[in-house]
N, C-alpha and C. Protein backbone atom coordinates (compact mmCIF):
# COMPACT_ATOMS: atom_id res chain seq x y z
N MET A 1 49.28 114.52 95.99
CA MET A 1 48.30 115.54 97.30
C MET A 1 48.98 114.10 98.31
N GLY A 2 49.48 112.50 98.00
CA GLY A 2 49.03 111.85 99.28
C GLY A 2 50.91 111.99 99.52
N MET A 3 51.17 112.87 98.95
CA MET A 3 52.81 112.96 99.76
C MET A 3 51.86 114.32 100.77
N LEU A 4 51.66 114.90 100.07
CA LEU A 4 51.27 115.70 101.46
C LEU A 4 51.06 115.43 103.05
N LYS A 5 49.84 114.28 103.08
CA LYS A 5 49.16 113.25 103.43
C LYS A 5 50.24 112.79 104.50
N ILE A 6 51.10 112.59 104.25
CA ILE A 6 52.18 111.78 104.41
C ILE A 6 53.25 112.82 105.39
N LEU A 7 53.44 114.04 104.20
CA LEU A 7 54.38 115.54 104.90
C LEU A 7 54.40 115.30 105.92
N GLY A 8 52.44 115.58 105.95
CA GLY A 8 51.71 116.34 107.75
C GLY A 8 51.66 115.76 108.63
N ARG A 9 51.77 114.11 108.26
CA ARG A 9 51.52 113.64 109.13
C ARG A 9 52.97 113.47 110.25
N TRP A 10 54.28 113.18 109.24
CA TRP A 10 55.07 113.10 110.17
C TRP A 10 55.59 114.60 110.67
N GLY A 11 55.46 115.48 109.69
CA GLY A 11 55.48 117.17 110.67
C GLY A 11 55.07 116.18 111.83
N GLY A 12 54.00 116.00 111.97
CA GLY A 12 53.09 116.82 112.90
C GLY A 12 54.12 114.90 114.33
N LEU A 13 54.54 114.57 113.76
CA LEU A 13 54.96 113.58 115.09
C LEU A 13 55.91 114.41 115.32
N LEU A 14 56.60 114.78 114.07
CA LEU A 14 58.42 115.03 114.62
C LEU A 14 58.47 116.32 115.24
N THR A 15 56.67 117.60 114.69
CA THR A 15 56.84 118.22 116.40
C THR A 15 56.51 117.99 117.30
N LEU A 16 55.87 117.54 118.11
CA LEU A 16 55.44 116.02 119.34
C LEU A 16 56.76 115.77 119.71
N ILE A 17 57.59 115.27 118.98
CA ILE A 17 58.20 114.43 119.51
C ILE A 17 59.82 116.06 120.43
N LEU A 18 59.50 116.52 118.86
CA LEU A 18 60.55 117.96 120.16
C LEU A 18 60.01 118.92 120.71
N LEU A 19 58.68 118.96 120.80
CA LEU A 19 57.78 119.63 122.39
C LEU A 19 58.13 118.41 123.19
N LEU A 20 57.90 117.66 123.39
CA LEU A 20 58.39 116.86 124.26
C LEU A 20 60.20 116.85 124.95
N ILE A 21 61.17 116.43 123.86
CA ILE A 21 62.25 116.10 124.37
C ILE A 21 62.56 118.58 125.29
N ALA A 22 61.33 118.95 124.77
CA ALA A 22 61.10 120.66 124.80
C ALA A 22 61.16 120.18 126.23
N LEU A 23 60.24 120.11 127.14
CA LEU A 23 59.27 119.63 127.95
C LEU A 23 60.64 119.32 128.95
N VAL A 24 60.76 117.64 128.26
CA VAL A 24 61.40 117.07 129.48
C VAL A 24 63.36 118.26 129.32
N ARG A 25 63.26 119.10 128.94
CA ARG A 25 64.28 119.44 129.59
C ARG A 25 64.58 120.98 130.72
N GLN A 26 63.15 121.73 130.11
CA GLN A 26 62.65 122.58 131.22
C GLN A 26 62.36 121.88 132.35
N LEU A 27 62.34 121.09 132.52
CA LEU A 27 61.92 119.45 133.78
C LEU A 27 62.90 119.47 133.87
N ILE A 28 64.27 119.49 133.96
CA ILE A 28 65.15 118.57 134.32
C ILE A 28 66.04 120.12 135.17
N ALA A 29 65.46 120.83 133.75
CA ALA A 29 66.27 122.91 134.52
C ALA A 29 65.37 123.12 136.09
N LEU A 30 64.33 122.61 136.16
CA LEU A 30 62.76 122.87 137.25
C LEU A 30 64.01 122.36 138.14
N VAL A 31 63.65 120.85 138.48
CA VAL A 31 64.00 120.39 139.35
C VAL A 31 66.12 120.47 139.93
N GLY A 32 66.81 120.95 139.07
CA GLY A 32 67.43 121.16 139.30
C GLY A 32 67.94 122.33 140.19
N ALA A 33 66.59 123.10 139.46
CA ALA A 33 67.43 124.28 140.54
C ALA A 33 66.16 124.27 141.80
N LEU A 34 65.58 123.59 142.40
CA LEU A 34 64.88 123.18 142.99
C LEU A 34 65.91 122.39 144.20
N ILE A 35 66.65 121.71 143.60
CA ILE A 35 67.53 120.45 144.66
C ILE A 35 68.61 122.05 144.55
N PHE A 36 69.09 122.61 143.84
CA PHE A 36 70.30 123.06 144.33
C PHE A 36 69.60 125.16 145.59
N ILE A 37 67.68 124.85 145.47
CA ILE A 37 67.13 126.11 145.97
C ILE A 37 67.46 125.33 147.71
N ILE A 38 67.44 123.05 147.56
CA ILE A 38 67.04 123.37 149.23
C ILE A 38 68.32 122.75 149.49
N LYS A 39 70.02 122.23 148.62
CA LYS A 39 70.96 122.66 149.15
C LYS A 39 70.92 124.23 150.33
N PHE A 40 71.02 124.75 149.12
CA PHE A 40 71.17 126.26 150.21
C PHE A 40 70.58 126.13 151.07
N ALA A 41 69.28 126.58 151.43
CA ALA A 41 68.22 126.16 153.12
C ALA A 41 68.84 125.17 153.61
N VAL A 42 69.65 124.17 153.25
CA VAL A 42 70.32 123.09 154.01
C VAL A 42 71.84 124.02 154.95
N VAL A 43 71.70 124.36 153.73
CA VAL A 43 73.41 124.99 154.75
C VAL A 43 73.69 126.25 155.24
N ALA A 44 72.43 127.22 154.92
CA ALA A 44 71.40 128.40 155.03
C ALA A 44 71.45 127.34 156.31
N ALA A 45 69.70 126.23 157.43
CA ALA A 45 70.10 126.12 158.78
C ALA A 45 71.11 125.80 159.10
N PHE A 46 72.27 124.82 158.85
CA PHE A 46 73.66 125.02 159.81
C PHE A 46 73.83 126.25 160.04
N VAL A 47 74.72 126.78 158.89
CA VAL A 47 75.10 128.16 158.96
C VAL A 47 73.99 128.29 160.69
N GLY A 48 73.51 128.96 160.60
CA GLY A 48 72.09 129.48 161.44
C GLY A 48 72.32 128.84 162.94
N LEU A 49 72.62 127.22 162.55
CA LEU A 49 72.31 126.66 163.75
C LEU A 49 73.82 126.62 164.35
N MET A 50 74.74 126.38 164.06
CA MET A 50 76.22 127.14 164.68
C MET A 50 75.72 128.00 164.80
N VAL A 51 75.59 129.26 165.07
CA VAL A 51 75.25 130.37 164.64
C VAL A 51 75.12 130.82 166.10
N LEU A 52 73.74 129.19 167.09
CA LEU A 52 73.53 129.87 168.09
C LEU A 52 74.28 129.39 169.00
N VAL A 53 74.18 128.25 168.92
CA VAL A 53 75.44 127.01 169.30
C VAL A 53 76.71 127.87 169.93
N ILE A 54 77.14 129.06 168.85
CA ILE A 54 78.20 129.73 169.54
C ILE A 54 77.56 130.80 170.58
N LEU A 55 76.97 131.69 170.00
CA LEU A 55 76.33 132.40 170.68
C LEU A 55 75.71 131.98 172.61
N ALA A 56 75.46 131.09 172.32
CA ALA A 56 74.48 129.95 173.80
C ALA A 56 76.27 130.13 174.76
N THR A 57 76.94 129.65 173.92
CA THR A 57 77.71 129.32 174.37
C THR A 57 79.11 130.40 175.27
N LEU A 58 79.02 131.34 173.89
CA LEU A 58 80.09 132.69 174.55
C LEU A 58 78.50 133.04 175.58
N ARG A 59 77.66 133.75 175.76
CA ARG A 59 76.63 134.12 176.60
C ARG A 59 76.78 133.06 177.95
N GLU A 60 77.31 132.09 178.04
CA GLU A 60 76.93 130.69 178.82
C GLU A 60 79.08 131.08 179.67
N ARG A 61 80.04 131.18 179.00
CA ARG A 61 81.05 131.90 179.70
C ARG A 61 81.18 133.64 180.52
N GLN A 62 79.45 133.98 179.67
CA GLN A 62 80.16 135.74 180.13
C GLN A 62 79.06 135.45 181.54
N ARG A 63 78.52 134.90 181.32
CA ARG A 63 77.38 134.51 182.88
C ARG A 63 78.19 133.40 183.81
N ARG A 64 79.17 132.91 183.96
CA ARG A 64 80.15 132.87 184.73
C ARG A 64 81.36 132.86 185.77
N ARG A 65 81.52 133.81 184.26
CA ARG A 65 82.72 135.20 184.79
C ARG A 65 82.76 136.16 185.65
N ARG A 66 80.49 136.73 185.87
CA ARG A 66 80.17 137.41 186.53
C ARG A 66 80.38 136.50 188.03
N ARG A 67 79.40 134.75 187.72
CA ARG A 67 79.24 135.12 188.83
C ARG A 67 80.66 134.69 189.73
N GLU A 68 81.68 134.68 189.05
CA GLU A 68 82.33 134.34 189.77
C GLU A 68 83.44 135.63 190.92
N ALA A 69 83.25 137.25 189.51
CA ALA A 69 83.49 138.24 189.89
C ALA A 69 82.60 138.85 191.29
N GLU A 70 81.50 137.74 190.92
CA GLU A 70 80.15 138.33 192.67
C GLU A 70 80.71 137.59 194.11
N GLU A 71 81.02 136.96 193.17
CA GLU A 71 81.69 135.33 194.75
C GLU A 71 83.15 136.56 195.49
N LEU A 72 83.65 136.88 194.39
CA LEU A 72 85.28 136.96 195.13
C LEU A 72 84.77 138.91 195.69
């Protein structure tokens, strides 16, 4: 009977340790996914900003050409 108590305690302790390990693995995976999402958002914002700058530059060129054409 004493052996069953000892094995029960060690089994419970081992189970808790394994559950903590599984929890830490899941937290690491979650943090990795969040970091990937943040990186993707930063890249998307940068690309969007570059597109806006290019569009503004093209519009300004078009306006200058219209002004030059009107002056002639």
